[in-house]
Amino acid sequence: MDDRAFDTPEFIDRLRRGEEGAYRRLVRRFHAPLVAVASGIIGSRAQAEEVVQDAWLAVHAAIARFEGRSSLASWLYT
């Protein structure tokens, strides 16, 4: 899946509806890069994994507030 496909209204709607397959795709694509960024900041891969797990929970809880003013990827990294 091209990263732009994550920004389509259809994909965002799937996330907002809690569609498991959409979340699985999102996590598969962005989990490793998010862990890499967090590891660089924190200095510990194990702690970075925990931080990113918390971030995924926050994404699930906050996706309804995603306004689309940036790409979904940019929103994830903030």
PDB file of N, CA and C in Angstrom:
ATOM      1  N   MET A   1       0.853  -1.185   0.000  1.00  0.00           N
ATOM      2  CA  MET A   1       0.000   0.000   0.000  1.00  0.00           C
ATOM      3  C   MET A   1       0.892   1.240   0.000  1.00  0.00           C
ATOM      4  N   ASP A   2       0.666   2.111  -0.952  1.00  0.00           N
ATOM      5  CA  ASP A   2       1.344   3.396  -1.044  1.00  0.00           C
ATOM      6  C   ASP A   2       0.956   4.216   0.196  1.00  0.00           C
ATOM      7  N   ASP A   3       1.910   4.948   0.763  1.00  0.00           N
ATOM      8  CA  ASP A   3       1.612   5.715   1.980  1.00  0.00           C
ATOM      9  C   ASP A   3       0.475   6.715   1.782  1.00  0.00           C
ATOM     10  N   ARG A   4       0.279   7.206   0.565  1.00  0.00           N
ATOM     11  CA  ARG A   4      -0.831   8.138   0.312  1.00  0.00           C
ATOM     12  C   ARG A   4      -2.179   7.466   0.519  1.00  0.00           C
ATOM     13  N   ALA A   5      -2.233   6.155   0.369  1.00  0.00           N
ATOM     14  CA  ALA A   5      -3.496   5.429   0.554  1.00  0.00           C
ATOM     15  C   ALA A   5      -3.976   5.508   2.004  1.00  0.00           C
ATOM     16  N   PHE A   6      -3.047   5.741   2.939  1.00  0.00           N
ATOM     17  CA  PHE A   6      -3.437   5.879   4.339  1.00  0.00           C
ATOM     18  C   PHE A   6      -4.170   7.189   4.594  1.00  0.00           C
ATOM     19  N   ASP A   7      -4.042   8.137   3.655  1.00  0.00           N
ATOM     20  CA  ASP A   7      -4.654   9.452   3.831  1.00  0.00           C
ATOM     21  C   ASP A   7      -5.996   9.603   3.139  1.00  0.00           C
ATOM     22  N   THR A   8      -6.464   8.551   2.503  1.00  0.00           N
ATOM     23  CA  THR A   8      -7.743   8.662   1.807  1.00  0.00           C
ATOM     24  C   THR A   8      -8.887   8.721   2.818  1.00  0.00           C
ATOM     25  N   PRO A   9      -9.932   9.443   2.482  1.00  0.00           N
ATOM     26  CA  PRO A   9     -11.086   9.485   3.392  1.00  0.00           C
ATOM     27  C   PRO A   9     -11.626   8.085   3.695  1.00  0.00           C
ATOM     28  N   GLU A  10     -11.562   7.195   2.708  1.00  0.00           N
ATOM     29  CA  GLU A  10     -12.070   5.834   2.920  1.00  0.00           C
ATOM     30  C   GLU A  10     -11.265   5.108   3.998  1.00  0.00           C
ATOM     31  N   PHE A  11      -9.936   5.227   3.939  1.00  0.00           N
ATOM     32  CA  PHE A  11      -9.106   4.544   4.926  1.00  0.00           C
ATOM     33  C   PHE A  11      -9.304   5.152   6.312  1.00  0.00           C
ATOM     34  N   ILE A  12      -9.345   6.464   6.388  1.00  0.00           N
ATOM     35  CA  ILE A  12      -9.576   7.141   7.676  1.00  0.00           C
ATOM     36  C   ILE A  12     -10.925   6.714   8.252  1.00  0.00           C
ATOM     37  N   ASP A  13     -11.928   6.618   7.410  1.00  0.00           N
ATOM     38  CA  ASP A  13     -13.250   6.156   7.874  1.00  0.00           C
ATOM     39  C   ASP A  13     -13.177   4.740   8.420  1.00  0.00           C
ATOM     40  N   ARG A  14     -12.406   3.881   7.755  1.00  0.00           N
ATOM     41  CA  ARG A  14     -12.249   2.509   8.246  1.00  0.00           C
ATOM     42  C   ARG A  14     -11.627   2.509   9.637  1.00  0.00           C
ATOM     43  N   LEU A  15     -10.635   3.367   9.839  1.00  0.00           N
ATOM     44  CA  LEU A  15     -10.023   3.470  11.170  1.00  0.00           C
ATOM     45  C   LEU A  15     -11.034   3.974  12.187  1.00  0.00           C
ATOM     46  N   ARG A  16     -11.771   4.982  11.818  1.00  0.00           N
ATOM     47  CA  ARG A  16     -12.767   5.562  12.736  1.00  0.00           C
ATOM     48  C   ARG A  16     -13.851   4.562  13.119  1.00  0.00           C
ATOM     49  N   ARG A  17     -14.156   3.652  12.199  1.00  0.00           N
ATOM     50  CA  ARG A  17     -15.148   2.609  12.501  1.00  0.00           C
ATOM     51  C   ARG A  17     -14.536   1.470  13.316  1.00  0.00           C
ATOM     52  N   GLY A  18     -13.221   1.539  13.544  1.00  0.00           N
ATOM     53  CA  GLY A  18     -12.559   0.511  14.331  1.00  0.00           C
ATOM     54  C   GLY A  18     -12.275  -0.762  13.566  1.00  0.00           C
ATOM     55  N   GLU A  19     -12.186  -0.664  12.254  1.00  0.00           N
ATOM     56  CA  GLU A  19     -11.958  -1.850  11.438  1.00  0.00           C
ATOM     57  C   GLU A  19     -10.570  -2.438  11.709  1.00  0.00           C
ATOM     58  N   GLU A  20     -10.563  -3.648  12.192  1.00  0.00           N
ATOM     59  CA  GLU A  20      -9.327  -4.310  12.602  1.00  0.00           C
ATOM     60  C   GLU A  20      -8.309  -4.411  11.468  1.00  0.00           C
ATOM     61  N   GLY A  21      -8.756  -4.723  10.274  1.00  0.00           N
ATOM     62  CA  GLY A  21      -7.846  -4.856   9.137  1.00  0.00           C
ATOM     63  C   GLY A  21      -7.141  -3.554   8.807  1.00  0.00           C
ATOM     64  N   ALA A  22      -7.831  -2.438   8.941  1.00  0.00           N
ATOM     65  CA  ALA A  22      -7.218  -1.130   8.683  1.00  0.00           C
ATOM     66  C   ALA A  22      -6.136  -0.844   9.720  1.00  0.00           C
ATOM     67  N   TYR A  23      -6.432  -1.127  10.979  1.00  0.00           N
ATOM     68  CA  TYR A  23      -5.422  -0.916  12.021  1.00  0.00           C
ATOM     69  C   TYR A  23      -4.225  -1.839  11.823  1.00  0.00           C
ATOM     70  N   ARG A  24      -4.487  -3.070  11.436  1.00  0.00           N
ATOM     71  CA  ARG A  24      -3.396  -4.013  11.206  1.00  0.00           C
ATOM     72  C   ARG A  24      -2.461  -3.487  10.120  1.00  0.00           C
ATOM     73  N   ARG A  25      -3.054  -2.986   9.035  1.00  0.00           N
ATOM     74  CA  ARG A  25      -2.249  -2.416   7.945  1.00  0.00           C
ATOM     75  C   ARG A  25      -1.426  -1.238   8.416  1.00  0.00           C
ATOM     76  N   LEU A  26      -2.046  -0.360   9.175  1.00  0.00           N
ATOM     77  CA  LEU A  26      -1.370   0.829   9.682  1.00  0.00           C
ATOM     78  C   LEU A  26      -0.199   0.444  10.582  1.00  0.00           C
ATOM     79  N   VAL A  27      -0.434  -0.479  11.491  1.00  0.00           N
ATOM     80  CA  VAL A  27       0.623  -0.914  12.406  1.00  0.00           C
ATOM     81  C   VAL A  27       1.747  -1.603  11.640  1.00  0.00           C
ATOM     82  N   ARG A  28       1.400  -2.470  10.690  1.00  0.00           N
ATOM     83  CA  ARG A  28       2.434  -3.156   9.896  1.00  0.00           C
ATOM     84  C   ARG A  28       3.336  -2.162   9.190  1.00  0.00           C
ATOM     85  N   ARG A  29       2.754  -1.100   8.672  1.00  0.00           N
ATOM     86  CA  ARG A  29       3.538  -0.127   7.916  1.00  0.00           C
ATOM     87  C   ARG A  29       4.376   0.790   8.806  1.00  0.00           C
ATOM     88  N   PHE A  30       3.851   1.219   9.939  1.00  0.00           N
ATOM     89  CA  PHE A  30       4.505   2.281  10.709  1.00  0.00           C
ATOM     90  C   PHE A  30       5.126   1.852  12.029  1.00  0.00           C
ATOM     91  N   HIS A  31       4.891   0.641  12.493  1.00  0.00           N
ATOM     92  CA  HIS A  31       5.412   0.252  13.802  1.00  0.00           C
ATOM     93  C   HIS A  31       6.940   0.313  13.860  1.00  0.00           C
ATOM     94  N   ALA A  32       7.609  -0.337  12.939  1.00  0.00           N
ATOM     95  CA  ALA A  32       9.081  -0.373  12.973  1.00  0.00           C
ATOM     96  C   ALA A  32       9.698   1.023  12.859  1.00  0.00           C
ATOM     97  N   PRO A  33       9.238   1.872  11.942  1.00  0.00           N
ATOM     98  CA  PRO A  33       9.810   3.222  11.887  1.00  0.00           C
ATOM     99  C   PRO A  33       9.549   4.039  13.158  1.00  0.00           C
ATOM    100  N   LEU A  34       8.368   3.873  13.741  1.00  0.00           N
ATOM    101  CA  LEU A  34       8.084   4.579  14.996  1.00  0.00           C
ATOM    102  C   LEU A  34       9.005   4.104  16.118  1.00  0.00           C
ATOM    103  N   VAL A  35       9.238   2.804  16.185  1.00  0.00           N
ATOM    104  CA  VAL A  35      10.150   2.264  17.195  1.00  0.00           C
ATOM    105  C   VAL A  35      11.562   2.797  16.968  1.00  0.00           C
ATOM    106  N   ALA A  36      11.978   2.888  15.722  1.00  0.00           N
ATOM    107  CA  ALA A  36      13.314   3.400  15.420  1.00  0.00           C
ATOM    108  C   ALA A  36      13.464   4.847  15.885  1.00  0.00           C
ATOM    109  N   VAL A  37      12.461   5.665  15.623  1.00  0.00           N
ATOM    110  CA  VAL A  37      12.513   7.066  16.068  1.00  0.00           C
ATOM    111  C   VAL A  37      12.529   7.130  17.595  1.00  0.00           C
ATOM    112  N   ALA A  38      11.633   6.392  18.224  1.00  0.00           N
ATOM    113  CA  ALA A  38      11.574   6.394  19.690  1.00  0.00           C
ATOM    114  C   ALA A  38      12.873   5.876  20.299  1.00  0.00           C
ATOM    115  N   SER A  39      13.477   4.854  19.692  1.00  0.00           N
ATOM    116  CA  SER A  39      14.751   4.324  20.195  1.00  0.00           C
ATOM    117  C   SER A  39      15.841   5.376  20.140  1.00  0.00           C
ATOM    118  N   GLY A  40      15.848   6.142  19.053  1.00  0.00           N
ATOM    119  CA  GLY A  40      16.841   7.204  18.929  1.00  0.00           C
ATOM    120  C   GLY A  40      16.683   8.277  19.987  1.00  0.00           C
ATOM    121  N   ILE A  41      15.467   8.528  20.384  1.00  0.00           N
ATOM    122  CA  ILE A  41      15.204   9.549  21.399  1.00  0.00           C
ATOM    123  C   ILE A  41      15.455   8.999  22.798  1.00  0.00           C
ATOM    124  N   ILE A  42      14.958   7.803  23.058  1.00  0.00           N
ATOM    125  CA  ILE A  42      15.008   7.214  24.403  1.00  0.00           C
ATOM    126  C   ILE A  42      16.332   6.519  24.671  1.00  0.00           C
ATOM    127  N   GLY A  43      16.879   5.877  23.651  1.00  0.00           N
ATOM    128  CA  GLY A  43      18.139   5.161  23.825  1.00  0.00           C
ATOM    129  C   GLY A  43      17.977   3.700  24.195  1.00  0.00           C
ATOM    130  N   SER A  44      16.756   3.238  24.311  1.00  0.00           N
ATOM    131  CA  SER A  44      16.493   1.852  24.683  1.00  0.00           C
ATOM    132  C   SER A  44      15.402   1.295  23.779  1.00  0.00           C
ATOM    133  N   ARG A  45      15.721   0.224  23.072  1.00  0.00           N
ATOM    134  CA  ARG A  45      14.718  -0.374  22.180  1.00  0.00           C
ATOM    135  C   ARG A  45      13.524  -0.917  22.973  1.00  0.00           C
ATOM    136  N   ALA A  46      13.792  -1.536  24.113  1.00  0.00           N
ATOM    137  CA  ALA A  46      12.698  -2.096  24.921  1.00  0.00           C
ATOM    138  C   ALA A  46      11.744  -0.996  25.382  1.00  0.00           C
ATOM    139  N   GLN A  47      12.291   0.112  25.858  1.00  0.00           N
ATOM    140  CA  GLN A  47      11.434   1.219  26.286  1.00  0.00           C
ATOM    141  C   GLN A  47      10.723   1.845  25.093  1.00  0.00           C
ATOM    142  N   ALA A  48      11.407   1.888  23.947  1.00  0.00           N
ATOM    143  CA  ALA A  48      10.794   2.438  22.743  1.00  0.00           C
ATOM    144  C   ALA A  48       9.591   1.595  22.326  1.00  0.00           C
ATOM    145  N   GLU A  49       9.709   0.286  22.434  1.00  0.00           N
ATOM    146  CA  GLU A  49       8.581  -0.598  22.110  1.00  0.00           C
ATOM    147  C   GLU A  49       7.386  -0.277  23.000  1.00  0.00           C
ATOM    148  N   GLU A  50       7.631  -0.054  24.274  1.00  0.00           N
ATOM    149  CA  GLU A  50       6.544   0.280  25.206  1.00  0.00           C
ATOM    150  C   GLU A  50       5.901   1.609  24.844  1.00  0.00           C
ATOM    151  N   VAL A  51       6.735   2.591  24.521  1.00  0.00           N
ATOM    152  CA  VAL A  51       6.222   3.913  24.159  1.00  0.00           C
ATOM    153  C   VAL A  51       5.356   3.819  22.903  1.00  0.00           C
ATOM    154  N   VAL A  52       5.817   3.066  21.923  1.00  0.00           N
ATOM    155  CA  VAL A  52       5.062   2.936  20.677  1.00  0.00           C
ATOM    156  C   VAL A  52       3.765   2.164  20.910  1.00  0.00           C
ATOM    157  N   GLN A  53       3.784   1.171  21.772  1.00  0.00           N
ATOM    158  CA  GLN A  53       2.529   0.472  22.103  1.00  0.00           C
ATOM    159  C   GLN A  53       1.522   1.456  22.703  1.00  0.00           C
ATOM    160  N   ASP A  54       2.003   2.321  23.592  1.00  0.00           N
ATOM    161  CA  ASP A  54       1.122   3.346  24.158  1.00  0.00           C
ATOM    162  C   ASP A  54       0.633   4.302  23.074  1.00  0.00           C
ATOM    163  N   ALA A  55       1.508   4.608  22.122  1.00  0.00           N
ATOM    164  CA  ALA A  55       1.124   5.493  21.024  1.00  0.00           C
ATOM    165  C   ALA A  55       0.011   4.868  20.184  1.00  0.00           C
ATOM    166  N   TRP A  56       0.084   3.553  19.938  1.00  0.00           N
ATOM    167  CA  TRP A  56      -0.984   2.893  19.166  1.00  0.00           C
ATOM    168  C   TRP A  56      -2.315   2.979  19.906  1.00  0.00           C
ATOM    169  N   LEU A  57      -2.283   2.824  21.207  1.00  0.00           N
ATOM    170  CA  LEU A  57      -3.530   2.964  21.983  1.00  0.00           C
ATOM    171  C   LEU A  57      -4.073   4.383  21.859  1.00  0.00           C
ATOM    172  N   ALA A  58      -3.167   5.367  21.882  1.00  0.00           N
ATOM    173  CA  ALA A  58      -3.579   6.763  21.743  1.00  0.00           C
ATOM    174  C   ALA A  58      -4.150   7.032  20.354  1.00  0.00           C
ATOM    175  N   VAL A  59      -3.555   6.430  19.337  1.00  0.00           N
ATOM    176  CA  VAL A  59      -4.068   6.580  17.966  1.00  0.00           C
ATOM    177  C   VAL A  59      -5.496   6.055  17.906  1.00  0.00           C
ATOM    178  N   HIS A  60      -5.713   4.889  18.448  1.00  0.00           N
ATOM    179  CA  HIS A  60      -7.049   4.297  18.436  1.00  0.00           C
ATOM    180  C   HIS A  60      -8.056   5.199  19.151  1.00  0.00           C
ATOM    181  N   ALA A  61      -7.648   5.757  20.269  1.00  0.00           N
ATOM    182  CA  ALA A  61      -8.547   6.602  21.054  1.00  0.00           C
ATOM    183  C   ALA A  61      -8.790   7.967  20.408  1.00  0.00           C
ATOM    184  N   ALA A  62      -7.827   8.455  19.618  1.00  0.00           N
ATOM    185  CA  ALA A  62      -7.907   9.826  19.115  1.00  0.00           C
ATOM    186  C   ALA A  62      -8.187   9.935  17.622  1.00  0.00           C
ATOM    187  N   ILE A  63      -8.343   8.840  16.920  1.00  0.00           N
ATOM    188  CA  ILE A  63      -8.494   8.906  15.463  1.00  0.00           C
ATOM    189  C   ILE A  63      -9.700   9.755  15.051  1.00  0.00           C
ATOM    190  N   ALA A  64     -10.711   9.812  15.852  1.00  0.00           N
ATOM    191  CA  ALA A  64     -11.888  10.624  15.516  1.00  0.00           C
ATOM    192  C   ALA A  64     -11.535  12.107  15.449  1.00  0.00           C
ATOM    193  N   ARG A  65     -10.488  12.504  16.146  1.00  0.00           N
ATOM    194  CA  ARG A  65     -10.069  13.910  16.157  1.00  0.00           C
ATOM    195  C   ARG A  65      -9.062  14.242  15.059  1.00  0.00           C
ATOM    196  N   PHE A  66      -8.624  13.245  14.300  1.00  0.00           N
ATOM    197  CA  PHE A  66      -7.706  13.499  13.196  1.00  0.00           C
ATOM    198  C   PHE A  66      -8.437  14.321  12.147  1.00  0.00           C
ATOM    199  N   GLU A  67      -7.907  15.511  11.854  1.00  0.00           N
ATOM    200  CA  GLU A  67      -8.589  16.443  10.960  1.00  0.00           C
ATOM    201  C   GLU A  67      -8.096  16.371   9.523  1.00  0.00           C
ATOM    202  N   GLY A  68      -7.015  15.657   9.277  1.00  0.00           N
ATOM    203  CA  GLY A  68      -6.516  15.536   7.921  1.00  0.00           C
ATOM    204  C   GLY A  68      -5.763  16.749   7.414  1.00  0.00           C
ATOM    205  N   ARG A  69      -5.371  17.646   8.312  1.00  0.00           N
ATOM    206  CA  ARG A  69      -4.602  18.825   7.884  1.00  0.00           C
ATOM    207  C   ARG A  69      -3.161  18.463   7.568  1.00  0.00           C
ATOM    208  N   SER A  70      -2.750  17.290   7.973  1.00  0.00           N
ATOM    209  CA  SER A  70      -1.439  16.752   7.637  1.00  0.00           C
ATOM    210  C   SER A  70      -1.673  15.317   7.191  1.00  0.00           C
ATOM    211  N   SER A  71      -0.608  14.656   6.766  1.00  0.00           N
ATOM    212  CA  SER A  71      -0.761  13.246   6.434  1.00  0.00           C
ATOM    213  C   SER A  71      -0.955  12.452   7.722  1.00  0.00           C
ATOM    214  N   LEU A  72      -1.537  11.295   7.604  1.00  0.00           N
ATOM    215  CA  LEU A  72      -1.712  10.438   8.772  1.00  0.00           C
ATOM    216  C   LEU A  72      -0.352  10.077   9.359  1.00  0.00           C
ATOM    217  N   ALA A  73       0.635   9.859   8.496  1.00  0.00           N
ATOM    218  CA  ALA A  73       1.984   9.544   8.974  1.00  0.00           C
ATOM    219  C   ALA A  73       2.543  10.677   9.828  1.00  0.00           C
ATOM    220  N   SER A  74       2.388  11.908   9.382  1.00  0.00           N
ATOM    221  CA  SER A  74       2.872  13.051  10.176  1.00  0.00           C
ATOM    222  C   SER A  74       2.183  13.100  11.523  1.00  0.00           C
ATOM    223  N   TRP A  75       0.890  12.842  11.513  1.00  0.00           N
ATOM    224  CA  TRP A  75       0.117  12.843  12.756  1.00  0.00           C
ATOM    225  C   TRP A  75       0.606  11.760  13.702  1.00  0.00           C
ATOM    226  N   LEU A  76       0.930  10.585  13.149  1.00  0.00           N
ATOM    227  CA  LEU A  76       1.429   9.475  13.972  1.00  0.00           C
ATOM    228  C   LEU A  76       2.727   9.847  14.663  1.00  0.00           C
ATOM    229  N   TYR A  77       3.609  10.493  13.944  1.00  0.00           N
ATOM    230  CA  TYR A  77       4.919  10.812  14.494  1.00  0.00           C
ATOM    231  C   TYR A  77       4.857  11.948  15.523  1.00  0.00           C
ATOM    232  N   THR A  78       3.790  12.708  15.530  1.00  0.00           N
ATOM    233  CA  THR A  78       3.684  13.755  16.551  1.00  0.00           C
ATOM    234  C   THR A  78       3.063  13.185  17.795  1.00  0.00           C
TER     235      THR A  78
END
